[in-house]
Amino acid sequence: MFRLIHLAIEELKGPAGLDQSGVSLFKTPGAIDEMWVGQQRHLECIQDPPGMIMYRVARTTTINGVDLPYYKSLRGSNSLEGFHKSLPHMIPGTQV
């Protein structure tokens, strides 16, 4: 996963990371490199645990004759995610 994210970042530092006006997605290449260094430690937290299936097919729908699965995550609910957003405002300190 680390390698794939690194490759995507490198790709987006070039022409693929420019909008139609030529404005870069990133402030500077150095800024995204600095951000990536700080975020790498969180990568394991957002990956599925090895050997665990974290999605199930909830239903299928047919579009233009093709059956497409609709997946449901086995993770927490949106309300729980919303609760996590408010935690930094409740916990004192700067490292939250």
C-alpha atoms as a PDB file:
ATOM      1  CA  MET A   1       0.000   0.000   0.000  1.00  0.00           C
ATOM      2  CA  PHE A   2       2.842   2.385   0.875  1.00  0.00           C
ATOM      3  CA  ARG A   3       4.370   1.968  -2.585  1.00  0.00           C
ATOM      4  CA  LEU A   4       1.058   2.587  -4.375  1.00  0.00           C
ATOM      5  CA  ILE A   5       0.378   5.796  -2.473  1.00  0.00           C
ATOM      6  CA  HIS A   6       3.940   6.975  -3.051  1.00  0.00           C
ATOM      7  CA  LEU A   7       3.591   6.303  -6.798  1.00  0.00           C
ATOM      8  CA  ALA A   8       0.275   8.190  -6.908  1.00  0.00           C
ATOM      9  CA  ILE A   9       1.812  11.195  -5.149  1.00  0.00           C
ATOM     10  CA  GLU A  10       4.777  11.198  -7.530  1.00  0.00           C
ATOM     11  CA  GLU A  11       2.417  11.020 -10.521  1.00  0.00           C
ATOM     12  CA  LEU A  12       0.342  13.922  -9.201  1.00  0.00           C
ATOM     13  CA  LYS A  13       3.440  16.101  -8.808  1.00  0.00           C
ATOM     14  CA  GLY A  14       3.660  16.182 -12.605  1.00  0.00           C
ATOM     15  CA  PRO A  15       1.186  17.132 -15.341  1.00  0.00           C
ATOM     16  CA  ALA A  16      -1.442  14.710 -13.973  1.00  0.00           C
ATOM     17  CA  GLY A  17      -1.677  16.905 -10.865  1.00  0.00           C
ATOM     18  CA  LEU A  18      -2.605  20.073 -12.755  1.00  0.00           C
ATOM     19  CA  ASP A  19      -6.129  21.316 -13.346  1.00  0.00           C
ATOM     20  CA  GLN A  20      -7.292  22.703 -16.696  1.00  0.00           C
ATOM     21  CA  SER A  21      -5.779  26.081 -15.835  1.00  0.00           C
ATOM     22  CA  GLY A  22      -2.401  24.558 -15.021  1.00  0.00           C
ATOM     23  CA  VAL A  23      -2.785  25.023 -11.261  1.00  0.00           C
ATOM     24  CA  SER A  24      -1.158  22.289  -9.211  1.00  0.00           C
ATOM     25  CA  LEU A  25      -3.142  20.121  -6.824  1.00  0.00           C
ATOM     26  CA  PHE A  26      -0.368  20.602  -4.265  1.00  0.00           C
ATOM     27  CA  LYS A  27       0.958  23.871  -2.863  1.00  0.00           C
ATOM     28  CA  THR A  28       4.507  22.679  -3.628  1.00  0.00           C
ATOM     29  CA  PRO A  29       6.114  19.266  -4.209  1.00  0.00           C
ATOM     30  CA  GLY A  30       7.964  19.750  -0.923  1.00  0.00           C
ATOM     31  CA  ALA A  31       4.722  20.435   0.940  1.00  0.00           C
ATOM     32  CA  ILE A  32       3.146  17.141  -0.113  1.00  0.00           C
ATOM     33  CA  ASP A  33       6.382  15.271   0.651  1.00  0.00           C
ATOM     34  CA  GLU A  34       6.390  16.750   4.147  1.00  0.00           C
ATOM     35  CA  MET A  35       2.722  15.854   4.650  1.00  0.00           C
ATOM     36  CA  TRP A  36       3.269  12.295   3.392  1.00  0.00           C
ATOM     37  CA  VAL A  37       6.169  11.753   5.811  1.00  0.00           C
ATOM     38  CA  GLY A  38       3.880  12.710   8.684  1.00  0.00           C
ATOM     39  CA  GLN A  39       0.940  10.614   7.511  1.00  0.00           C
ATOM     40  CA  GLN A  40       2.759   7.346   6.748  1.00  0.00           C
ATOM     41  CA  ARG A  41       2.487   6.245  10.365  1.00  0.00           C
ATOM     42  CA  HIS A  42      -1.315   6.213  10.029  1.00  0.00           C
ATOM     43  CA  LEU A  43      -1.346   3.934   7.000  1.00  0.00           C
ATOM     44  CA  GLU A  44      -1.773   0.728   9.018  1.00  0.00           C
ATOM     45  CA  CYS A  45      -4.729   2.277  10.858  1.00  0.00           C
ATOM     46  CA  ILE A  46      -6.758   2.748   7.673  1.00  0.00           C
ATOM     47  CA  GLN A  47      -5.978  -0.591   6.027  1.00  0.00           C
ATOM     48  CA  ASP A  48      -8.094  -3.690   6.392  1.00  0.00           C
ATOM     49  CA  PRO A  49      -6.571  -6.195   8.819  1.00  0.00           C
ATOM     50  CA  PRO A  50      -4.815  -9.029   6.949  1.00  0.00           C
ATOM     51  CA  GLY A  51      -7.153 -11.916   6.203  1.00  0.00           C
ATOM     52  CA  MET A  52     -10.309 -10.084   7.300  1.00  0.00           C
ATOM     53  CA  ILE A  53     -13.128  -9.317   4.903  1.00  0.00           C
ATOM     54  CA  MET A  54     -14.394  -5.863   5.816  1.00  0.00           C
ATOM     55  CA  TYR A  55     -17.169  -5.545   3.206  1.00  0.00           C
ATOM     56  CA  ARG A  56     -20.192  -7.615   2.278  1.00  0.00           C
ATOM     57  CA  VAL A  57     -22.485  -7.471  -0.722  1.00  0.00           C
ATOM     58  CA  ALA A  58     -25.696  -5.869   0.543  1.00  0.00           C
ATOM     59  CA  ARG A  59     -27.550  -6.118  -2.756  1.00  0.00           C
ATOM     60  CA  THR A  60     -27.012  -5.972  -6.479  1.00  0.00           C
ATOM     61  CA  THR A  61     -28.460  -3.683  -9.074  1.00  0.00           C
ATOM     62  CA  THR A  62     -28.573  -4.079 -12.827  1.00  0.00           C
ATOM     63  CA  ILE A  63     -27.477  -1.179 -15.003  1.00  0.00           C
ATOM     64  CA  ASN A  64     -27.426  -1.581 -18.779  1.00  0.00           C
ATOM     65  CA  GLY A  65     -27.665  -5.344 -18.374  1.00  0.00           C
ATOM     66  CA  VAL A  66     -24.687  -5.548 -16.003  1.00  0.00           C
ATOM     67  CA  ASP A  67     -25.173  -6.756 -12.416  1.00  0.00           C
ATOM     68  CA  LEU A  68     -23.305  -4.431 -10.065  1.00  0.00           C
ATOM     69  CA  PRO A  69     -22.794  -5.236  -6.386  1.00  0.00           C
ATOM     70  CA  TYR A  70     -23.560  -2.698  -3.685  1.00  0.00           C
ATOM     71  CA  TYR A  71     -21.086  -3.223  -0.845  1.00  0.00           C
ATOM     72  CA  LYS A  72     -21.688  -2.461   2.817  1.00  0.00           C
ATOM     73  CA  SER A  73     -18.791  -1.838   5.159  1.00  0.00           C
ATOM     74  CA  LEU A  74     -18.517  -3.874   8.339  1.00  0.00           C
ATOM     75  CA  ARG A  75     -16.870  -0.904  10.019  1.00  0.00           C
ATOM     76  CA  GLY A  76     -18.492   1.612  12.348  1.00  0.00           C
ATOM     77  CA  SER A  77     -21.400   3.836  11.499  1.00  0.00           C
ATOM     78  CA  ASN A  78     -21.435   7.429  10.349  1.00  0.00           C
ATOM     79  CA  SER A  79     -22.623   8.549  13.768  1.00  0.00           C
ATOM     80  CA  LEU A  80     -19.500   7.059  15.304  1.00  0.00           C
ATOM     81  CA  GLU A  81     -17.340   8.790  12.723  1.00  0.00           C
ATOM     82  CA  GLY A  82     -19.120  12.037  13.545  1.00  0.00           C
ATOM     83  CA  PHE A  83     -18.318  11.509  17.216  1.00  0.00           C
ATOM     84  CA  HIS A  84     -14.628  11.123  16.388  1.00  0.00           C
ATOM     85  CA  LYS A  85     -14.684  14.475  14.607  1.00  0.00           C
ATOM     86  CA  SER A  86     -15.733  16.205  17.824  1.00  0.00           C
ATOM     87  CA  LEU A  87     -13.099  14.549  20.040  1.00  0.00           C
ATOM     88  CA  PRO A  88     -10.313  17.092  19.363  1.00  0.00           C
ATOM     89  CA  HIS A  89     -12.590  19.835  20.700  1.00  0.00           C
ATOM     90  CA  MET A  90     -13.149  17.918  23.943  1.00  0.00           C
ATOM     91  CA  ILE A  91      -9.578  16.848  24.693  1.00  0.00           C
ATOM     92  CA  PRO A  92      -7.061  19.453  25.827  1.00  0.00           C
ATOM     93  CA  GLY A  93      -3.620  19.639  24.272  1.00  0.00           C
ATOM     94  CA  THR A  94      -2.094  20.099  20.854  1.00  0.00           C
ATOM     95  CA  GLN A  95      -1.343  16.478  19.921  1.00  0.00           C
ATOM     96  CA  VAL A  96      -4.942  15.302  19.421  1.00  0.00           C
END
